[in-house]
Amino acid sequence: MAEDNREVVPGVVVDPDQYREVLDKLAEIDERIEFVSAEIAQRHGKKIGRDIGVLYGICGGLILVLAYYLLAVV
């Protein structure tokens, strides 16, 4: 393996067209993964937004009820 005390690293020869084809397929797979993860994040965001909206609605309703009772008593 060593010639003149130098290590020889084996190399691989790949057809450029096949290499580009593999890179294109990997890019397409990466796009799909990004799209799916974005859709999942959007669904989680909608769920969290709905929950926060419900909480704000409950707090607003309680404030209105308390204001009504305080003003009605006076």
N, C-alpha and C. Protein backbone atom coordinates (compact mmCIF):
# COMPACT_ATOMS: atom_id res chain seq x y z
N MET A 1 0.80 -1.19 0.00
CA MET A 1 0.00 0.00 0.00
C MET A 1 0.85 1.26 0.00
N ALA A 2 1.99 1.21 0.58
CA ALA A 2 2.81 2.41 0.65
C ALA A 2 3.92 2.34 -0.38
N GLU A 3 4.05 3.41 -1.13
CA GLU A 3 5.12 3.50 -2.10
C GLU A 3 6.04 4.64 -1.68
N ASP A 4 7.28 4.36 -1.48
CA ASP A 4 8.26 5.37 -1.08
C ASP A 4 7.83 6.07 0.22
N ASN A 5 7.31 5.31 1.17
CA ASN A 5 6.87 5.81 2.47
C ASN A 5 5.73 6.82 2.37
N ARG A 6 4.96 6.75 1.31
CA ARG A 6 3.77 7.60 1.16
C ARG A 6 2.54 6.71 1.11
N GLU A 7 1.49 7.14 1.77
CA GLU A 7 0.26 6.36 1.75
C GLU A 7 -0.54 6.74 0.51
N VAL A 8 -1.10 5.74 -0.12
CA VAL A 8 -1.91 5.96 -1.31
C VAL A 8 -3.37 5.87 -0.89
N VAL A 9 -4.11 6.93 -1.17
CA VAL A 9 -5.53 6.96 -0.84
C VAL A 9 -6.30 6.52 -2.07
N PRO A 10 -7.12 5.48 -1.92
CA PRO A 10 -7.88 5.04 -3.08
C PRO A 10 -8.93 6.08 -3.48
N GLY A 11 -9.15 6.22 -4.75
CA GLY A 11 -10.13 7.18 -5.26
C GLY A 11 -11.25 6.47 -5.97
N VAL A 12 -12.38 7.17 -6.06
CA VAL A 12 -13.54 6.61 -6.73
C VAL A 12 -13.87 7.49 -7.93
N VAL A 13 -14.12 6.85 -9.05
CA VAL A 13 -14.48 7.57 -10.25
C VAL A 13 -15.98 7.43 -10.45
N VAL A 14 -16.67 8.58 -10.56
CA VAL A 14 -18.12 8.59 -10.72
C VAL A 14 -18.46 9.35 -11.99
N ASP A 15 -19.43 8.82 -12.71
CA ASP A 15 -19.91 9.49 -13.91
C ASP A 15 -20.59 10.80 -13.49
N PRO A 16 -20.21 11.94 -14.08
CA PRO A 16 -20.80 13.22 -13.67
C PRO A 16 -22.32 13.29 -13.85
N ASP A 17 -22.83 12.63 -14.89
CA ASP A 17 -24.28 12.64 -15.11
C ASP A 17 -25.01 11.90 -13.99
N GLN A 18 -24.49 10.76 -13.60
CA GLN A 18 -25.09 10.01 -12.50
C GLN A 18 -24.99 10.79 -11.18
N TYR A 19 -23.87 11.44 -10.98
CA TYR A 19 -23.67 12.24 -9.76
C TYR A 19 -24.68 13.38 -9.70
N ARG A 20 -24.88 14.08 -10.82
CA ARG A 20 -25.87 15.17 -10.87
C ARG A 20 -27.28 14.62 -10.64
N GLU A 21 -27.57 13.46 -11.19
CA GLU A 21 -28.88 12.85 -11.02
C GLU A 21 -29.13 12.53 -9.54
N VAL A 22 -28.14 11.99 -8.88
CA VAL A 22 -28.28 11.67 -7.45
C VAL A 22 -28.47 12.96 -6.65
N LEU A 23 -27.70 14.00 -6.98
CA LEU A 23 -27.85 15.28 -6.27
C LEU A 23 -29.22 15.88 -6.49
N ASP A 24 -29.76 15.77 -7.71
CA ASP A 24 -31.10 16.28 -7.99
C ASP A 24 -32.16 15.52 -7.17
N LYS A 25 -32.01 14.21 -7.09
CA LYS A 25 -32.95 13.41 -6.29
C LYS A 25 -32.86 13.79 -4.82
N LEU A 26 -31.65 13.99 -4.32
CA LEU A 26 -31.48 14.40 -2.92
C LEU A 26 -32.08 15.78 -2.67
N ALA A 27 -31.95 16.69 -3.63
CA ALA A 27 -32.53 18.02 -3.49
C ALA A 27 -34.06 17.93 -3.46
N GLU A 28 -34.62 17.06 -4.29
CA GLU A 28 -36.08 16.88 -4.31
C GLU A 28 -36.57 16.30 -2.98
N ILE A 29 -35.85 15.33 -2.45
CA ILE A 29 -36.21 14.74 -1.16
C ILE A 29 -36.12 15.80 -0.06
N ASP A 30 -35.07 16.63 -0.11
CA ASP A 30 -34.91 17.69 0.88
C ASP A 30 -36.07 18.68 0.81
N GLU A 31 -36.51 19.03 -0.39
CA GLU A 31 -37.66 19.94 -0.56
C GLU A 31 -38.91 19.34 0.06
N ARG A 32 -39.15 18.07 -0.17
CA ARG A 32 -40.33 17.41 0.38
C ARG A 32 -40.29 17.39 1.90
N ILE A 33 -39.12 17.11 2.46
CA ILE A 33 -38.98 17.08 3.92
C ILE A 33 -39.23 18.46 4.50
N GLU A 34 -38.69 19.51 3.87
CA GLU A 34 -38.91 20.86 4.35
C GLU A 34 -40.39 21.23 4.27
N PHE A 35 -41.07 20.83 3.18
CA PHE A 35 -42.48 21.14 3.02
C PHE A 35 -43.31 20.47 4.11
N VAL A 36 -43.04 19.20 4.35
CA VAL A 36 -43.81 18.47 5.36
C VAL A 36 -43.55 19.03 6.75
N SER A 37 -42.31 19.35 7.07
CA SER A 37 -42.02 19.92 8.39
C SER A 37 -42.66 21.29 8.54
N ALA A 38 -42.73 22.07 7.47
CA ALA A 38 -43.40 23.37 7.53
C ALA A 38 -44.90 23.20 7.75
N GLU A 39 -45.50 22.22 7.10
CA GLU A 39 -46.93 21.97 7.30
C GLU A 39 -47.21 21.54 8.74
N ILE A 40 -46.36 20.69 9.29
CA ILE A 40 -46.53 20.25 10.68
C ILE A 40 -46.40 21.43 11.63
N ALA A 41 -45.41 22.29 11.40
CA ALA A 41 -45.22 23.46 12.26
C ALA A 41 -46.42 24.40 12.14
N GLN A 42 -46.98 24.53 10.96
CA GLN A 42 -48.14 25.40 10.77
C GLN A 42 -49.34 24.86 11.53
N ARG A 43 -49.55 23.55 11.50
CA ARG A 43 -50.66 22.96 12.24
C ARG A 43 -50.51 23.16 13.74
N HIS A 44 -49.27 22.99 14.25
CA HIS A 44 -49.03 23.23 15.67
C HIS A 44 -49.28 24.70 16.01
N GLY A 45 -48.88 25.59 15.13
CA GLY A 45 -49.10 27.01 15.35
C GLY A 45 -50.58 27.35 15.40
N LYS A 46 -51.36 26.73 14.52
CA LYS A 46 -52.81 26.98 14.54
C LYS A 46 -53.44 26.49 15.83
N LYS A 47 -53.00 25.32 16.31
CA LYS A 47 -53.53 24.78 17.56
C LYS A 47 -53.19 25.69 18.73
N ILE A 48 -51.95 26.13 18.79
CA ILE A 48 -51.53 27.02 19.88
C ILE A 48 -52.27 28.35 19.79
N GLY A 49 -52.42 28.88 18.59
CA GLY A 49 -53.15 30.14 18.40
C GLY A 49 -54.60 30.02 18.83
N ARG A 50 -55.23 28.89 18.53
CA ARG A 50 -56.61 28.68 18.97
C ARG A 50 -56.70 28.64 20.48
N ASP A 51 -55.78 27.92 21.11
CA ASP A 51 -55.80 27.83 22.57
C ASP A 51 -55.58 29.19 23.23
N ILE A 52 -54.65 29.97 22.70
CA ILE A 52 -54.40 31.30 23.25
C ILE A 52 -55.62 32.19 23.03
N GLY A 53 -56.27 32.08 21.89
CA GLY A 53 -57.48 32.87 21.62
C GLY A 53 -58.60 32.52 22.59
N VAL A 54 -58.75 31.24 22.90
CA VAL A 54 -59.78 30.83 23.86
C VAL A 54 -59.47 31.43 25.22
N LEU A 55 -58.20 31.37 25.64
CA LEU A 55 -57.83 31.93 26.94
C LEU A 55 -58.07 33.44 26.99
N TYR A 56 -57.70 34.15 25.91
CA TYR A 56 -57.97 35.59 25.87
C TYR A 56 -59.47 35.86 25.92
N GLY A 57 -60.26 35.06 25.26
CA GLY A 57 -61.71 35.24 25.29
C GLY A 57 -62.27 35.04 26.68
N ILE A 58 -61.79 34.01 27.38
CA ILE A 58 -62.26 33.76 28.74
C ILE A 58 -61.86 34.92 29.65
N CYS A 59 -60.63 35.38 29.54
CA CYS A 59 -60.18 36.52 30.38
C CYS A 59 -60.99 37.77 30.07
N GLY A 60 -61.22 38.05 28.80
CA GLY A 60 -62.02 39.22 28.43
C GLY A 60 -63.44 39.12 28.95
N GLY A 61 -64.02 37.93 28.85
CA GLY A 61 -65.38 37.73 29.37
C GLY A 61 -65.44 37.93 30.87
N LEU A 62 -64.46 37.41 31.58
CA LEU A 62 -64.43 37.59 33.04
C LEU A 62 -64.29 39.06 33.41
N ILE A 63 -63.47 39.79 32.69
CA ILE A 63 -63.31 41.22 32.96
C ILE A 63 -64.62 41.95 32.73
N LEU A 64 -65.32 41.62 31.64
CA LEU A 64 -66.61 42.27 31.38
C LEU A 64 -67.64 41.93 32.45
N VAL A 65 -67.68 40.68 32.88
CA VAL A 65 -68.64 40.29 33.92
C VAL A 65 -68.31 41.00 35.23
N LEU A 66 -67.06 41.06 35.60
CA LEU A 66 -66.66 41.76 36.82
C LEU A 66 -66.98 43.25 36.73
N ALA A 67 -66.72 43.85 35.58
CA ALA A 67 -67.04 45.27 35.41
C ALA A 67 -68.54 45.50 35.51
N TYR A 68 -69.33 44.60 34.96
CA TYR A 68 -70.80 44.74 35.02
C TYR A 68 -71.28 44.66 36.48
N TYR A 69 -70.74 43.66 37.22
CA TYR A 69 -71.16 43.53 38.62
C TYR A 69 -70.72 44.71 39.46
N LEU A 70 -69.53 45.21 39.21
CA LEU A 70 -69.04 46.35 39.99
C LEU A 70 -69.84 47.62 39.67
N LEU A 71 -70.20 47.82 38.41
CA LEU A 71 -70.96 49.02 38.03
C LEU A 71 -72.45 48.88 38.37
N ALA A 72 -72.97 47.68 38.39
CA ALA A 72 -74.37 47.46 38.70
C ALA A 72 -74.64 47.63 40.18
N VAL A 73 -73.67 47.32 41.00
CA VAL A 73 -73.84 47.43 42.45
C VAL A 73 -73.81 48.88 42.88
N VAL A 74 -73.03 49.70 42.22
CA VAL A 74 -72.88 51.11 42.64
C VAL A 74 -74.05 51.91 42.30
